[in-house]
Amino acid sequence: MRFLVLGSAAGGGLPQWNCLCENCRLAYANSPRILRRSQASLAVSADGERWMILSATPDLRQQIIDNPALHPQASPRHSPVKAVFAPNGDIDNIAGLLVMREMQPFTFFATEAVMAHTRSGVFGVLNADLVARRTAKLEERVDSGLGFSITPFVTPGKTPLYMEAADEADIELGAEGENTVGLEIGRGGRRFYYMPSCARMTDALRQRLDGADIVFFDGTTFEDDEMIRLGLSQKTAWRMGHMAMNGDRGSIRALSDVAIKRRVFIHINNSNPALLCDSAERTQVEAAGWEISFDGMAIDTAEAS
């Protein structure tokens, strides 16, 4: 198995087009202290030739250009990208489908709740004769047709922003259903996980992740109130449907005693100080056994042994 991080940032990327927080300011200035990043997406392959993309982001076209493994190779009209799986219906996970409208066959996987967001409107540009849609049920192992299986499972989250109730009191945070799922990738008895959105850790999730070879996990903020303190938003990580890295309820502590061979943060917000290579927060993350993913990061399963 081969994993290729196409994008490592949360929505908006780094630098974000309308943000001048300290991290974005440094990224705009090409500071060696921080890497520019596109929105979180992971490409997966069993043979290095046929790939599935997990999360089709608005940055997908540039992500394909930046990664030679995904370039056309066999004929004038060709793509190694054979499938896409969207773990939730947020714009950051499905807008890239519009990049793939140029009459190229591929299979689109999603839960019914997420699939419903892409059946009409602008997504009608996807040619039904070429794009096969496969609805995946929770806890049902799906044969990707690419040499590995995919199993969607519940991760606490929320509905996509554009589907939220108008009244804040009616928004269900930490909801468990088809709107936000994690993905278990299986091959030869080994288990790998992609979880870019997770609002809280549950006993069921801890048990599932125990013994995992690699976990790509939600790393949106370092502290829950980070964006509020920086004057960037009035929302906590929890309100946005994410866990913070640090704190009593943070992912570092929640998974500290779970046996995971390689743990990697992905979907990292531009506000997160752990993005700075020389920050105290980066040191803390790495001391806890976590890695900060970056665009172009490649991992082969042999490296996770």
C-alpha atoms as a PDB file:
ATOM      1  CA  MET A   1       0.000   0.000   0.000  1.00  0.00           C
ATOM      2  CA  ARG A   2       1.110   3.513  -0.770  1.00  0.00           C
ATOM      3  CA  PHE A   3      -0.313   6.698   0.704  1.00  0.00           C
ATOM      4  CA  LEU A   4       0.270  10.117  -0.829  1.00  0.00           C
ATOM      5  CA  VAL A   5      -0.804  13.244   1.044  1.00  0.00           C
ATOM      6  CA  LEU A   6      -2.167  15.529  -1.677  1.00  0.00           C
ATOM      7  CA  GLY A   7      -3.146  18.204   0.822  1.00  0.00           C
ATOM      8  CA  SER A   8      -2.623  18.582   4.560  1.00  0.00           C
ATOM      9  CA  ALA A   9      -4.472  21.785   5.517  1.00  0.00           C
ATOM     10  CA  ALA A  10      -8.002  22.441   6.678  1.00  0.00           C
ATOM     11  CA  GLY A  11     -10.466  24.448   4.581  1.00  0.00           C
ATOM     12  CA  GLY A  12      -8.857  27.463   2.925  1.00  0.00           C
ATOM     13  CA  GLY A  13      -5.370  25.971   2.892  1.00  0.00           C
ATOM     14  CA  LEU A  14      -2.233  27.830   3.967  1.00  0.00           C
ATOM     15  CA  PRO A  15      -2.009  30.680   3.327  1.00  0.00           C
ATOM     16  CA  GLN A  16      -5.737  31.233   3.235  1.00  0.00           C
ATOM     17  CA  TRP A  17      -6.706  33.756   0.566  1.00  0.00           C
ATOM     18  CA  ASN A  18      -8.326  36.201   3.019  1.00  0.00           C
ATOM     19  CA  CYS A  19      -6.232  35.645   6.137  1.00  0.00           C
ATOM     20  CA  LEU A  20      -3.194  37.418   7.573  1.00  0.00           C
ATOM     21  CA  CYS A  21      -2.769  35.514  10.801  1.00  0.00           C
ATOM     22  CA  GLU A  22       0.860  34.934  11.767  1.00  0.00           C
ATOM     23  CA  ASN A  23       1.060  31.565  10.007  1.00  0.00           C
ATOM     24  CA  CYS A  24      -0.492  32.910   6.814  1.00  0.00           C
ATOM     25  CA  ARG A  25       1.745  35.992   6.896  1.00  0.00           C
ATOM     26  CA  LEU A  26       4.824  33.761   7.095  1.00  0.00           C
ATOM     27  CA  ALA A  27       3.511  31.488   4.348  1.00  0.00           C
ATOM     28  CA  TYR A  28       2.852  34.435   2.040  1.00  0.00           C
ATOM     29  CA  ALA A  29       6.452  35.535   2.693  1.00  0.00           C
ATOM     30  CA  ASN A  30       7.792  32.018   1.894  1.00  0.00           C
ATOM     31  CA  SER A  31       9.330  31.747   5.349  1.00  0.00           C
ATOM     32  CA  PRO A  32      11.421  28.601   5.892  1.00  0.00           C
ATOM     33  CA  ARG A  33       9.602  28.200   9.212  1.00  0.00           C
ATOM     34  CA  ILE A  34       6.371  27.034   7.564  1.00  0.00           C
ATOM     35  CA  LEU A  35       5.241  25.127   4.470  1.00  0.00           C
ATOM     36  CA  ARG A  36       2.443  26.203   2.175  1.00  0.00           C
ATOM     37  CA  ARG A  37      -0.386  23.676   2.132  1.00  0.00           C
ATOM     38  CA  SER A  38      -3.481  22.816   0.132  1.00  0.00           C
ATOM     39  CA  GLN A  39      -6.707  21.357   1.513  1.00  0.00           C
ATOM     40  CA  ALA A  40      -6.684  17.897   3.088  1.00  0.00           C
ATOM     41  CA  SER A  41      -6.769  14.960   0.701  1.00  0.00           C
ATOM     42  CA  LEU A  42      -5.147  11.536   0.624  1.00  0.00           C
ATOM     43  CA  ALA A  43      -4.434   9.330  -2.397  1.00  0.00           C
ATOM     44  CA  VAL A  44      -4.255   5.559  -1.820  1.00  0.00           C
ATOM     45  CA  SER A  45      -2.901   2.813  -4.069  1.00  0.00           C
ATOM     46  CA  ALA A  46      -2.118  -0.899  -3.779  1.00  0.00           C
ATOM     47  CA  ASP A  47       0.017  -1.053  -6.925  1.00  0.00           C
ATOM     48  CA  GLY A  48       1.308   2.493  -7.488  1.00  0.00           C
ATOM     49  CA  GLU A  49      -0.597   2.679 -10.775  1.00  0.00           C
ATOM     50  CA  ARG A  50      -4.293   2.906  -9.859  1.00  0.00           C
ATOM     51  CA  TRP A  51      -5.293   5.412  -7.204  1.00  0.00           C
ATOM     52  CA  MET A  52      -8.293   6.288  -5.059  1.00  0.00           C
ATOM     53  CA  ILE A  53      -8.608   9.834  -3.746  1.00  0.00           C
ATOM     54  CA  LEU A  54     -10.055  10.330  -0.276  1.00  0.00           C
ATOM     55  CA  SER A  55     -11.627  13.829  -0.182  1.00  0.00           C
ATOM     56  CA  ALA A  56     -11.961  15.634  -3.519  1.00  0.00           C
ATOM     57  CA  THR A  57     -10.967  19.168  -2.540  1.00  0.00           C
ATOM     58  CA  PRO A  58     -11.322  22.457  -4.428  1.00  0.00           C
ATOM     59  CA  ASP A  59      -7.520  22.229  -4.854  1.00  0.00           C
ATOM     60  CA  LEU A  60      -7.658  18.877  -6.667  1.00  0.00           C
ATOM     61  CA  ARG A  61      -6.455  20.056 -10.076  1.00  0.00           C
ATOM     62  CA  GLN A  62      -3.273  21.587  -8.626  1.00  0.00           C
ATOM     63  CA  GLN A  63      -2.784  18.598  -6.324  1.00  0.00           C
ATOM     64  CA  ILE A  64      -2.789  16.271  -9.335  1.00  0.00           C
ATOM     65  CA  ILE A  65      -0.342  18.529 -11.170  1.00  0.00           C
ATOM     66  CA  ASP A  66       1.964  18.568  -8.154  1.00  0.00           C
ATOM     67  CA  ASN A  67       2.087  14.754  -7.885  1.00  0.00           C
ATOM     68  CA  PRO A  68       3.559  12.906 -10.912  1.00  0.00           C
ATOM     69  CA  ALA A  69       2.045   9.595  -9.769  1.00  0.00           C
ATOM     70  CA  LEU A  70      -1.354  11.034 -10.721  1.00  0.00           C
ATOM     71  CA  HIS A  71      -0.368  12.395 -14.150  1.00  0.00           C
ATOM     72  CA  PRO A  72      -1.844  10.960 -17.386  1.00  0.00           C
ATOM     73  CA  GLN A  73       0.495   8.286 -18.715  1.00  0.00           C
ATOM     74  CA  ALA A  74      -0.992   5.543 -20.875  1.00  0.00           C
ATOM     75  CA  SER A  75      -2.777   7.466 -23.661  1.00  0.00           C
ATOM     76  CA  PRO A  76      -3.797  10.982 -24.734  1.00  0.00           C
ATOM     77  CA  ARG A  77      -6.844  10.759 -22.441  1.00  0.00           C
ATOM     78  CA  HIS A  78      -5.920   8.871 -19.292  1.00  0.00           C
ATOM     79  CA  SER A  79      -5.804   9.220 -15.509  1.00  0.00           C
ATOM     80  CA  PRO A  80      -4.384   6.958 -12.783  1.00  0.00           C
ATOM     81  CA  VAL A  81      -7.240   8.243 -10.586  1.00  0.00           C
ATOM     82  CA  LYS A  82      -9.808   5.475 -10.706  1.00  0.00           C
ATOM     83  CA  ALA A  83     -11.983   6.287  -7.707  1.00  0.00           C
ATOM     84  CA  VAL A  84     -12.946   8.965  -5.179  1.00  0.00           C
ATOM     85  CA  PHE A  85     -14.382   8.468  -1.685  1.00  0.00           C
ATOM     86  CA  ALA A  86     -15.861  11.496   0.112  1.00  0.00           C
ATOM     87  CA  PRO A  87     -15.979  11.014   3.904  1.00  0.00           C
ATOM     88  CA  ASN A  88     -18.397  13.917   4.355  1.00  0.00           C
ATOM     89  CA  GLY A  89     -20.423  16.372   2.320  1.00  0.00           C
ATOM     90  CA  ASP A  90     -18.496  19.536   3.150  1.00  0.00           C
ATOM     91  CA  ILE A  91     -17.374  21.655   0.197  1.00  0.00           C
ATOM     92  CA  ASP A  92     -13.772  20.705   1.082  1.00  0.00           C
ATOM     93  CA  ASN A  93     -14.573  17.047   0.335  1.00  0.00           C
ATOM     94  CA  ILE A  94     -16.759  17.184  -2.785  1.00  0.00           C
ATOM     95  CA  ALA A  95     -16.002  20.382  -4.746  1.00  0.00           C
ATOM     96  CA  GLY A  96     -13.067  18.652  -6.448  1.00  0.00           C
ATOM     97  CA  LEU A  97     -15.528  16.361  -8.216  1.00  0.00           C
ATOM     98  CA  LEU A  98     -16.186  19.304 -10.529  1.00  0.00           C
ATOM     99  CA  VAL A  99     -12.517  19.214 -11.550  1.00  0.00           C
ATOM    100  CA  MET A 100     -13.113  15.642 -12.747  1.00  0.00           C
ATOM    101  CA  ARG A 101     -15.893  16.490 -15.205  1.00  0.00           C
ATOM    102  CA  GLU A 102     -13.792  16.126 -18.388  1.00  0.00           C
ATOM    103  CA  MET A 103     -15.296  12.847 -19.618  1.00  0.00           C
ATOM    104  CA  GLN A 104     -13.011  10.528 -17.637  1.00  0.00           C
ATOM    105  CA  PRO A 105     -14.394   7.322 -16.089  1.00  0.00           C
ATOM    106  CA  PHE A 106     -14.056   6.824 -12.333  1.00  0.00           C
ATOM    107  CA  THR A 107     -16.089   5.457  -9.434  1.00  0.00           C
ATOM    108  CA  PHE A 108     -17.478   7.763  -6.767  1.00  0.00           C
ATOM    109  CA  PHE A 109     -18.039   6.255  -3.311  1.00  0.00           C
ATOM    110  CA  ALA A 110     -19.953   7.925  -0.462  1.00  0.00           C
ATOM    111  CA  THR A 111     -22.602   7.219   2.138  1.00  0.00           C
ATOM    112  CA  GLU A 112     -26.172   7.915   1.090  1.00  0.00           C
ATOM    113  CA  ALA A 113     -26.255  11.156   3.116  1.00  0.00           C
ATOM    114  CA  VAL A 114     -23.173  12.465   1.302  1.00  0.00           C
ATOM    115  CA  MET A 115     -24.142  11.045  -2.091  1.00  0.00           C
ATOM    116  CA  ALA A 116     -27.416  12.970  -1.904  1.00  0.00           C
ATOM    117  CA  HIS A 117     -25.506  16.277  -1.937  1.00  0.00           C
ATOM    118  CA  THR A 118     -24.005  15.435  -5.344  1.00  0.00           C
ATOM    119  CA  ARG A 119     -26.997  14.135  -7.286  1.00  0.00           C
ATOM    120  CA  SER A 120     -28.280  17.449  -8.633  1.00  0.00           C
ATOM    121  CA  GLY A 121     -27.402  21.041  -9.367  1.00  0.00           C
ATOM    122  CA  VAL A 122     -23.891  21.786 -10.554  1.00  0.00           C
ATOM    123  CA  PHE A 123     -22.802  18.190  -9.941  1.00  0.00           C
ATOM    124  CA  GLY A 124     -24.960  17.238 -12.902  1.00  0.00           C
ATOM    125  CA  VAL A 125     -21.881  17.913 -15.058  1.00  0.00           C
ATOM    126  CA  LEU A 126     -20.572  14.487 -14.033  1.00  0.00           C
ATOM    127  CA  ASN A 127     -21.440  12.205 -16.917  1.00  0.00           C
ATOM    128  CA  ALA A 128     -23.593   9.369 -15.565  1.00  0.00           C
ATOM    129  CA  ASP A 129     -22.376   7.108 -18.372  1.00  0.00           C
ATOM    130  CA  LEU A 130     -18.788   7.440 -17.135  1.00  0.00           C
ATOM    131  CA  VAL A 131     -19.008   8.117 -13.403  1.00  0.00           C
ATOM    132  CA  ALA A 132     -20.245   5.091 -11.482  1.00  0.00           C
ATOM    133  CA  ARG A 133     -21.826   5.943  -8.122  1.00  0.00           C
ATOM    134  CA  ARG A 134     -21.528   3.386  -5.322  1.00  0.00           C
ATOM    135  CA  THR A 135     -23.366   4.080  -2.092  1.00  0.00           C
ATOM    136  CA  ALA A 136     -21.452   2.688   0.883  1.00  0.00           C
ATOM    137  CA  LYS A 137     -23.240   1.618   4.045  1.00  0.00           C
ATOM    138  CA  LEU A 138     -21.793   2.145   7.493  1.00  0.00           C
ATOM    139  CA  GLU A 139     -19.667  -0.772   8.703  1.00  0.00           C
ATOM    140  CA  GLU A 140     -19.979  -2.515   5.336  1.00  0.00           C
ATOM    141  CA  ARG A 141     -16.660  -3.492   3.791  1.00  0.00           C
ATOM    142  CA  VAL A 142     -16.506  -2.309   0.184  1.00  0.00           C
ATOM    143  CA  ASP A 143     -14.190  -3.840  -2.399  1.00  0.00           C
ATOM    144  CA  SER A 144     -12.638  -0.833  -4.118  1.00  0.00           C
ATOM    145  CA  GLY A 145     -11.701  -2.905  -7.163  1.00  0.00           C
ATOM    146  CA  LEU A 146      -8.182  -1.540  -6.733  1.00  0.00           C
ATOM    147  CA  GLY A 147      -6.688  -4.224  -4.509  1.00  0.00           C
ATOM    148  CA  PHE A 148      -7.904  -2.993  -1.116  1.00  0.00           C
ATOM    149  CA  SER A 149     -11.145  -2.593   0.798  1.00  0.00           C
ATOM    150  CA  ILE A 150     -12.783   0.489   2.279  1.00  0.00           C
ATOM    151  CA  THR A 151     -15.073   0.419   5.308  1.00  0.00           C
ATOM    152  CA  PRO A 152     -16.868   3.645   6.343  1.00  0.00           C
ATOM    153  CA  PHE A 153     -17.585   4.036  10.044  1.00  0.00           C
ATOM    154  CA  VAL A 154     -19.169   6.709  12.199  1.00  0.00           C
ATOM    155  CA  THR A 155     -17.077   9.524  13.593  1.00  0.00           C
ATOM    156  CA  PRO A 156     -18.834  12.191  15.689  1.00  0.00           C
ATOM    157  CA  GLY A 157     -19.278  15.349  13.641  1.00  0.00           C
ATOM    158  CA  LYS A 158     -21.994  17.582  12.243  1.00  0.00           C
ATOM    159  CA  THR A 159     -23.861  18.360   9.056  1.00  0.00           C
ATOM    160  CA  PRO A 160     -22.050  20.351   6.344  1.00  0.00           C
ATOM    161  CA  LEU A 161     -21.936  24.109   6.989  1.00  0.00           C
ATOM    162  CA  TYR A 162     -24.294  24.867   4.090  1.00  0.00           C
ATOM    163  CA  MET A 163     -26.839  22.445   5.577  1.00  0.00           C
ATOM    164  CA  GLU A 164     -26.747  23.771   9.146  1.00  0.00           C
ATOM    165  CA  ALA A 165     -29.961  24.883  10.829  1.00  0.00           C
ATOM    166  CA  ALA A 166     -30.522  28.631  10.944  1.00  0.00           C
ATOM    167  CA  ASP A 167     -30.958  28.543  14.726  1.00  0.00           C
ATOM    168  CA  GLU A 168     -27.705  27.767  16.549  1.00  0.00           C
ATOM    169  CA  ALA A 169     -29.635  25.858  19.208  1.00  0.00           C
ATOM    170  CA  ASP A 170     -30.840  23.394  16.576  1.00  0.00           C
ATOM    171  CA  ILE A 171     -27.364  22.434  15.371  1.00  0.00           C
ATOM    172  CA  GLU A 172     -26.417  18.977  16.621  1.00  0.00           C
ATOM    173  CA  LEU A 173     -22.718  18.862  17.455  1.00  0.00           C
ATOM    174  CA  GLY A 174     -20.955  15.540  17.862  1.00  0.00           C
ATOM    175  CA  ALA A 175     -23.736  13.811  15.930  1.00  0.00           C
ATOM    176  CA  GLU A 176     -23.121  10.229  14.873  1.00  0.00           C
ATOM    177  CA  GLY A 177     -24.486   9.256  11.469  1.00  0.00           C
ATOM    178  CA  GLU A 178     -23.701   9.188   7.755  1.00  0.00           C
ATOM    179  CA  ASN A 179     -22.807  12.859   7.384  1.00  0.00           C
ATOM    180  CA  THR A 180     -19.310  12.409   8.822  1.00  0.00           C
ATOM    181  CA  VAL A 181     -17.442   9.132   8.571  1.00  0.00           C
ATOM    182  CA  GLY A 182     -13.953   7.776   8.977  1.00  0.00           C
ATOM    183  CA  LEU A 183     -12.532   5.381   6.423  1.00  0.00           C
ATOM    184  CA  GLU A 184     -10.777   2.106   7.199  1.00  0.00           C
ATOM    185  CA  ILE A 185      -8.505   0.914   4.405  1.00  0.00           C
ATOM    186  CA  GLY A 186      -7.767  -2.793   4.563  1.00  0.00           C
ATOM    187  CA  ARG A 187      -5.329  -5.044   2.733  1.00  0.00           C
ATOM    188  CA  GLY A 188      -3.713  -8.330   3.758  1.00  0.00           C
ATOM    189  CA  GLY A 189      -4.889  -8.070   7.348  1.00  0.00           C
ATOM    190  CA  ARG A 190      -3.421  -4.587   7.830  1.00  0.00           C
ATOM    191  CA  ARG A 191      -5.562  -1.591   8.742  1.00  0.00           C
ATOM    192  CA  PHE A 192      -5.083   2.066   7.839  1.00  0.00           C
ATOM    193  CA  TYR A 193      -7.379   4.962   8.729  1.00  0.00           C
ATOM    194  CA  TYR A 194      -8.315   8.336   7.262  1.00  0.00           C
ATOM    195  CA  MET A 195     -10.229  10.552   9.722  1.00  0.00           C
ATOM    196  CA  PRO A 196     -10.034  14.238   8.697  1.00  0.00           C
ATOM    197  CA  SER A 197     -13.050  15.177  10.826  1.00  0.00           C
ATOM    198  CA  CYS A 198     -13.725  13.920  14.338  1.00  0.00           C
ATOM    199  CA  ALA A 199     -15.484  15.995  16.983  1.00  0.00           C
ATOM    200  CA  ARG A 200     -14.773  13.730  19.962  1.00  0.00           C
ATOM    201  CA  MET A 201     -13.185  10.414  20.834  1.00  0.00           C
ATOM    202  CA  THR A 202     -15.423   7.514  21.814  1.00  0.00           C
ATOM    203  CA  ASP A 203     -14.646   4.120  23.318  1.00  0.00           C
ATOM    204  CA  ALA A 204     -15.762   2.502  20.066  1.00  0.00           C
ATOM    205  CA  LEU A 205     -13.268   4.563  18.071  1.00  0.00           C
ATOM    206  CA  ARG A 206     -10.443   3.828  20.481  1.00  0.00           C
ATOM    207  CA  GLN A 207     -11.123   0.110  20.197  1.00  0.00           C
ATOM    208  CA  ARG A 208     -11.273   0.317  16.398  1.00  0.00           C
ATOM    209  CA  LEU A 209      -7.965   2.171  16.098  1.00  0.00           C
ATOM    210  CA  ASP A 210      -6.125  -0.158  18.477  1.00  0.00           C
ATOM    211  CA  GLY A 211      -3.508  -2.049  16.473  1.00  0.00           C
ATOM    212  CA  ALA A 212      -3.751   0.218  13.414  1.00  0.00           C
ATOM    213  CA  ASP A 213      -0.757   0.508  11.110  1.00  0.00           C
ATOM    214  CA  ILE A 214      -1.324   4.176  10.227  1.00  0.00           C
ATOM    215  CA  VAL A 215      -3.926   6.709  11.347  1.00  0.00           C
ATOM    216  CA  PHE A 216      -4.324   9.999   9.487  1.00  0.00           C
ATOM    217  CA  PHE A 217      -6.276  11.991  12.067  1.00  0.00           C
ATOM    218  CA  ASP A 218      -8.048  15.333  12.383  1.00  0.00           C
ATOM    219  CA  GLY A 219      -5.478  17.939  13.438  1.00  0.00           C
ATOM    220  CA  THR A 220      -7.523  21.089  12.841  1.00  0.00           C
ATOM    221  CA  THR A 221      -6.510  23.185  15.858  1.00  0.00           C
ATOM    222  CA  PHE A 222      -3.983  22.876  18.644  1.00  0.00           C
ATOM    223  CA  GLU A 223      -6.298  24.377  21.287  1.00  0.00           C
ATOM    224  CA  ASP A 224     -10.084  24.261  21.216  1.00  0.00           C
ATOM    225  CA  ASP A 225     -10.494  28.064  21.472  1.00  0.00           C
ATOM    226  CA  GLU A 226      -7.503  28.869  19.266  1.00  0.00           C
ATOM    227  CA  MET A 227      -9.373  30.758  16.530  1.00  0.00           C
ATOM    228  CA  ILE A 228     -11.291  32.842  19.060  1.00  0.00           C
ATOM    229  CA  ARG A 229      -8.103  33.887  20.877  1.00  0.00           C
ATOM    230  CA  LEU A 230      -6.482  34.859  17.574  1.00  0.00           C
ATOM    231  CA  GLY A 231      -9.493  36.939  16.537  1.00  0.00           C
ATOM    232  CA  LEU A 232     -10.126  34.785  13.451  1.00  0.00           C
ATOM    233  CA  SER A 233     -13.540  33.371  14.336  1.00  0.00           C
ATOM    234  CA  GLN A 234     -16.089  33.044  17.106  1.00  0.00           C
ATOM    235  CA  LYS A 235     -16.105  29.250  16.770  1.00  0.00           C
ATOM    236  CA  THR A 236     -14.264  26.646  18.800  1.00  0.00           C
ATOM    237  CA  ALA A 237     -12.892  23.498  17.190  1.00  0.00           C
ATOM    238  CA  TRP A 238     -15.791  21.620  18.796  1.00  0.00           C
ATOM    239  CA  ARG A 239     -18.307  24.006  17.188  1.00  0.00           C
ATOM    240  CA  MET A 240     -16.716  23.309  13.809  1.00  0.00           C
ATOM    241  CA  GLY A 241     -16.962  19.556  14.345  1.00  0.00           C
ATOM    242  CA  HIS A 242     -13.308  18.874  15.213  1.00  0.00           C
ATOM    243  CA  MET A 243     -11.134  17.827  18.154  1.00  0.00           C
ATOM    244  CA  ALA A 244      -8.206  19.967  19.243  1.00  0.00           C
ATOM    245  CA  MET A 245      -4.798  18.303  19.472  1.00  0.00           C
ATOM    246  CA  ASN A 246      -4.082  19.490  23.016  1.00  0.00           C
ATOM    247  CA  GLY A 247      -6.020  19.486  26.280  1.00  0.00           C
ATOM    248  CA  ASP A 248      -7.879  17.006  28.447  1.00  0.00           C
ATOM    249  CA  ARG A 249     -10.272  16.208  25.594  1.00  0.00           C
ATOM    250  CA  GLY A 250      -7.669  16.558  22.871  1.00  0.00           C
ATOM    251  CA  SER A 251      -6.644  13.835  20.465  1.00  0.00           C
ATOM    252  CA  ILE A 252      -3.086  13.500  21.779  1.00  0.00           C
ATOM    253  CA  ARG A 253      -4.318  12.521  25.227  1.00  0.00           C
ATOM    254  CA  ALA A 254      -7.332  10.568  23.973  1.00  0.00           C
ATOM    255  CA  LEU A 255      -5.169   8.262  21.852  1.00  0.00           C
ATOM    256  CA  SER A 256      -2.044   8.212  24.023  1.00  0.00           C
ATOM    257  CA  ASP A 257      -2.550   4.637  25.230  1.00  0.00           C
ATOM    258  CA  VAL A 258      -3.929   3.230  21.958  1.00  0.00           C
ATOM    259  CA  ALA A 259      -1.526   1.012  20.017  1.00  0.00           C
ATOM    260  CA  ILE A 260      -1.022   2.800  16.685  1.00  0.00           C
ATOM    261  CA  LYS A 261       2.179   2.173  14.747  1.00  0.00           C
ATOM    262  CA  ARG A 262       2.216   5.514  12.971  1.00  0.00           C
ATOM    263  CA  ARG A 263       0.004   8.487  13.820  1.00  0.00           C
ATOM    264  CA  VAL A 264      -0.195  11.470  11.473  1.00  0.00           C
ATOM    265  CA  PHE A 265      -2.137  14.712  11.809  1.00  0.00           C
ATOM    266  CA  ILE A 266      -3.925  15.930   8.676  1.00  0.00           C
ATOM    267  CA  HIS A 267      -6.545  18.660   8.022  1.00  0.00           C
ATOM    268  CA  ILE A 268      -4.541  21.251   9.964  1.00  0.00           C
ATOM    269  CA  ASN A 269      -5.968  24.762  10.167  1.00  0.00           C
ATOM    270  CA  ASN A 270      -3.904  27.806   9.201  1.00  0.00           C
ATOM    271  CA  SER A 271      -4.209  29.036  12.816  1.00  0.00           C
ATOM    272  CA  ASN A 272      -2.488  25.978  14.319  1.00  0.00           C
ATOM    273  CA  PRO A 273       0.938  26.875  15.828  1.00  0.00           C
ATOM    274  CA  ALA A 274       2.120  23.267  15.354  1.00  0.00           C
ATOM    275  CA  LEU A 275       2.515  24.117  11.661  1.00  0.00           C
ATOM    276  CA  LEU A 276       5.615  26.138  12.569  1.00  0.00           C
ATOM    277  CA  CYS A 277       8.634  23.843  12.431  1.00  0.00           C
ATOM    278  CA  ASP A 278      10.305  25.638  15.365  1.00  0.00           C
ATOM    279  CA  SER A 279       7.295  26.094  17.666  1.00  0.00           C
ATOM    280  CA  ALA A 280       6.898  24.672  21.157  1.00  0.00           C
ATOM    281  CA  GLU A 281       3.627  23.147  19.972  1.00  0.00           C
ATOM    282  CA  ARG A 282       5.391  21.241  17.158  1.00  0.00           C
ATOM    283  CA  THR A 283       7.895  19.924  19.699  1.00  0.00           C
ATOM    284  CA  GLN A 284       5.036  18.809  21.950  1.00  0.00           C
ATOM    285  CA  VAL A 285       3.239  17.052  19.090  1.00  0.00           C
ATOM    286  CA  GLU A 286       6.356  15.183  17.984  1.00  0.00           C
ATOM    287  CA  ALA A 287       7.324  14.271  21.536  1.00  0.00           C
ATOM    288  CA  ALA A 288       3.915  12.606  21.865  1.00  0.00           C
ATOM    289  CA  GLY A 289       4.711  10.413  18.859  1.00  0.00           C
ATOM    290  CA  TRP A 290       2.695  12.292  16.240  1.00  0.00           C
ATOM    291  CA  GLU A 291       3.756  13.553  12.815  1.00  0.00           C
ATOM    292  CA  ILE A 292       2.578  16.699  11.064  1.00  0.00           C
ATOM    293  CA  SER A 293       1.678  15.753   7.494  1.00  0.00           C
ATOM    294  CA  PHE A 294       2.706  17.926   4.560  1.00  0.00           C
ATOM    295  CA  ASP A 295       1.703  18.172   0.925  1.00  0.00           C
ATOM    296  CA  GLY A 296       3.556  15.511  -1.051  1.00  0.00           C
ATOM    297  CA  MET A 297       4.244  13.307   1.985  1.00  0.00           C
ATOM    298  CA  ALA A 298       4.507   9.705   0.770  1.00  0.00           C
ATOM    299  CA  ILE A 299       4.247   6.644   2.984  1.00  0.00           C
ATOM    300  CA  ASP A 300       4.658   3.021   1.907  1.00  0.00           C
ATOM    301  CA  THR A 301       3.328   0.306   4.201  1.00  0.00           C
ATOM    302  CA  ALA A 302       6.875  -1.025   4.597  1.00  0.00           C
ATOM    303  CA  GLU A 303       7.738   2.234   6.353  1.00  0.00           C
ATOM    304  CA  ALA A 304       4.939   1.673   8.876  1.00  0.00           C
ATOM    305  CA  SER A 305       6.118  -1.805   9.877  1.00  0.00           C
END
